[in-house]
Amino acid sequence: MLKKLKIHFYKKFEQYQHSYLRYFTITQVRKTMLEYTKTILQKVSFSRDLFSKELKKSFRWLKKEELLILQSWCIITFGHIYGDVINVVFNPINS
């Protein structure tokens, strides 16, 4: 009986550990993609067209919450240069 209980506990622990690691990995990848997007936008900020193109591409892999964070960051960082581009690109989110 005790052996069966230990086996059951071990299997539950493995399931929990696996789901936690998967969640942690996905969260890290998402954070990395947001940071990667910020890095790319900084590198292409010299060109209005490239900035707009890369900003639109970020919609492919970021979640809505992350896009809102990115929007705030873009307004703070590039709002004085590309405020109109940022508003046009993020308009569907704010609707």
C-alpha atoms as a PDB file:
ATOM      1  CA  MET A   1       0.000   0.000   0.000  1.00  0.00           C
ATOM      2  CA  LEU A   2       2.765   2.439   0.954  1.00  0.00           C
ATOM      3  CA  LYS A   3       4.680   1.571  -2.204  1.00  0.00           C
ATOM      4  CA  LYS A   4       1.601   2.296  -4.358  1.00  0.00           C
ATOM      5  CA  LEU A   5       1.132   5.609  -2.588  1.00  0.00           C
ATOM      6  CA  LYS A   6       4.759   6.558  -3.218  1.00  0.00           C
ATOM      7  CA  ILE A   7       4.437   5.650  -6.895  1.00  0.00           C
ATOM      8  CA  HIS A   8       1.234   7.690  -7.193  1.00  0.00           C
ATOM      9  CA  PHE A   9       2.858  10.656  -5.451  1.00  0.00           C
ATOM     10  CA  TYR A  10       5.932  10.419  -7.677  1.00  0.00           C
ATOM     11  CA  LYS A  11       3.805  10.367 -10.848  1.00  0.00           C
ATOM     12  CA  LYS A  12       1.851  13.446  -9.693  1.00  0.00           C
ATOM     13  CA  PHE A  13       5.089  15.199  -8.853  1.00  0.00           C
ATOM     14  CA  GLU A  14       6.486  14.433 -12.310  1.00  0.00           C
ATOM     15  CA  GLN A  15       3.342  15.812 -13.956  1.00  0.00           C
ATOM     16  CA  TYR A  16       3.522  18.974 -11.868  1.00  0.00           C
ATOM     17  CA  GLN A  17       7.223  19.392 -12.512  1.00  0.00           C
ATOM     18  CA  HIS A  18       6.756  18.914 -16.265  1.00  0.00           C
ATOM     19  CA  SER A  19       3.900  21.438 -16.493  1.00  0.00           C
ATOM     20  CA  TYR A  20       5.848  23.970 -14.401  1.00  0.00           C
ATOM     21  CA  LEU A  21       8.930  23.636 -16.584  1.00  0.00           C
ATOM     22  CA  ARG A  22       6.833  23.966 -19.738  1.00  0.00           C
ATOM     23  CA  TYR A  23       5.132  27.105 -18.378  1.00  0.00           C
ATOM     24  CA  PHE A  24       8.474  28.559 -17.301  1.00  0.00           C
ATOM     25  CA  THR A  25      10.009  27.878 -20.714  1.00  0.00           C
ATOM     26  CA  ILE A  26       7.060  29.413 -22.579  1.00  0.00           C
ATOM     27  CA  THR A  27       7.139  32.458 -20.304  1.00  0.00           C
ATOM     28  CA  GLN A  28      10.864  32.887 -20.885  1.00  0.00           C
ATOM     29  CA  VAL A  29      10.444  32.585 -24.653  1.00  0.00           C
ATOM     30  CA  ARG A  30       7.649  35.166 -24.633  1.00  0.00           C
ATOM     31  CA  LYS A  31       9.733  37.563 -22.570  1.00  0.00           C
ATOM     32  CA  THR A  32      12.627  36.974 -24.897  1.00  0.00           C
ATOM     33  CA  MET A  33      10.478  37.712 -27.956  1.00  0.00           C
ATOM     34  CA  LEU A  34       9.326  40.995 -26.422  1.00  0.00           C
ATOM     35  CA  GLU A  35      12.908  41.954 -25.643  1.00  0.00           C
ATOM     36  CA  TYR A  36      14.003  40.815 -29.112  1.00  0.00           C
ATOM     37  CA  THR A  37      11.319  43.005 -30.694  1.00  0.00           C
ATOM     38  CA  LYS A  38      12.506  46.005 -28.680  1.00  0.00           C
ATOM     39  CA  THR A  39      16.082  45.378 -29.792  1.00  0.00           C
ATOM     40  CA  ILE A  40      15.081  45.134 -33.454  1.00  0.00           C
ATOM     41  CA  LEU A  41      13.009  48.320 -33.244  1.00  0.00           C
ATOM     42  CA  GLN A  42      15.961  50.175 -31.759  1.00  0.00           C
ATOM     43  CA  LYS A  43      18.206  48.954 -34.563  1.00  0.00           C
ATOM     44  CA  VAL A  44      15.830  49.947 -37.386  1.00  0.00           C
ATOM     45  CA  SER A  45      14.715  53.232 -35.851  1.00  0.00           C
ATOM     46  CA  PHE A  46      16.739  55.127 -38.446  1.00  0.00           C
ATOM     47  CA  SER A  47      14.166  54.238 -41.130  1.00  0.00           C
ATOM     48  CA  ARG A  48      10.455  55.023 -40.891  1.00  0.00           C
ATOM     49  CA  ASP A  49       9.504  52.201 -43.282  1.00  0.00           C
ATOM     50  CA  LEU A  50      11.611  49.544 -41.520  1.00  0.00           C
ATOM     51  CA  PHE A  51      10.329  50.653 -38.130  1.00  0.00           C
ATOM     52  CA  SER A  52       6.726  50.335 -39.297  1.00  0.00           C
ATOM     53  CA  LYS A  53       7.383  46.961 -40.940  1.00  0.00           C
ATOM     54  CA  GLU A  54       9.052  45.484 -37.843  1.00  0.00           C
ATOM     55  CA  LEU A  55       6.352  46.865 -35.582  1.00  0.00           C
ATOM     56  CA  LYS A  56       3.687  45.166 -37.704  1.00  0.00           C
ATOM     57  CA  LYS A  57       5.643  41.893 -37.647  1.00  0.00           C
ATOM     58  CA  SER A  58       5.591  41.913 -33.853  1.00  0.00           C
ATOM     59  CA  PHE A  59       1.832  41.211 -34.001  1.00  0.00           C
ATOM     60  CA  ARG A  60       2.606  37.713 -35.291  1.00  0.00           C
ATOM     61  CA  TRP A  61       4.194  36.366 -32.137  1.00  0.00           C
ATOM     62  CA  LEU A  62       3.272  38.617 -29.201  1.00  0.00           C
ATOM     63  CA  LYS A  63       0.137  38.300 -27.096  1.00  0.00           C
ATOM     64  CA  LYS A  64      -2.231  41.203 -26.573  1.00  0.00           C
ATOM     65  CA  GLU A  65      -0.824  41.980 -23.116  1.00  0.00           C
ATOM     66  CA  GLU A  66       2.697  42.019 -24.519  1.00  0.00           C
ATOM     67  CA  LEU A  67       1.592  44.239 -27.373  1.00  0.00           C
ATOM     68  CA  LEU A  68       0.205  46.734 -24.871  1.00  0.00           C
ATOM     69  CA  ILE A  69       3.552  46.728 -23.070  1.00  0.00           C
ATOM     70  CA  LEU A  70       5.309  47.191 -26.410  1.00  0.00           C
ATOM     71  CA  GLN A  71       2.955  50.031 -27.342  1.00  0.00           C
ATOM     72  CA  SER A  72       3.737  51.882 -24.111  1.00  0.00           C
ATOM     73  CA  TRP A  73       7.445  51.325 -24.605  1.00  0.00           C
ATOM     74  CA  CYS A  74       7.258  52.548 -28.221  1.00  0.00           C
ATOM     75  CA  ILE A  75       5.381  55.700 -27.243  1.00  0.00           C
ATOM     76  CA  ILE A  76       7.895  56.486 -24.508  1.00  0.00           C
ATOM     77  CA  THR A  77      10.954  55.629 -26.591  1.00  0.00           C
ATOM     78  CA  PHE A  78       9.973  56.665 -30.134  1.00  0.00           C
ATOM     79  CA  GLY A  79       6.792  58.709 -29.692  1.00  0.00           C
ATOM     80  CA  HIS A  80       8.538  61.971 -30.516  1.00  0.00           C
ATOM     81  CA  ILE A  81       9.800  60.556 -33.830  1.00  0.00           C
ATOM     82  CA  TYR A  82       7.239  57.970 -34.962  1.00  0.00           C
ATOM     83  CA  GLY A  83       4.141  58.816 -32.933  1.00  0.00           C
ATOM     84  CA  ASP A  84       1.898  58.708 -36.013  1.00  0.00           C
ATOM     85  CA  VAL A  85       3.277  55.304 -37.121  1.00  0.00           C
ATOM     86  CA  ILE A  86       2.789  53.864 -33.636  1.00  0.00           C
ATOM     87  CA  ASN A  87      -0.808  55.098 -33.488  1.00  0.00           C
ATOM     88  CA  VAL A  88      -1.633  53.671 -36.920  1.00  0.00           C
ATOM     89  CA  VAL A  89      -0.075  50.275 -36.228  1.00  0.00           C
ATOM     90  CA  PHE A  90      -1.597  49.875 -32.753  1.00  0.00           C
ATOM     91  CA  ASN A  91      -5.014  51.265 -33.685  1.00  0.00           C
ATOM     92  CA  PRO A  92      -6.651  47.783 -34.094  1.00  0.00           C
ATOM     93  CA  ILE A  93      -5.624  46.843 -30.533  1.00  0.00           C
ATOM     94  CA  ASN A  94      -7.116  49.950 -28.986  1.00  0.00           C
ATOM     95  CA  SER A  95     -10.449  49.538 -30.794  1.00  0.00           C
END
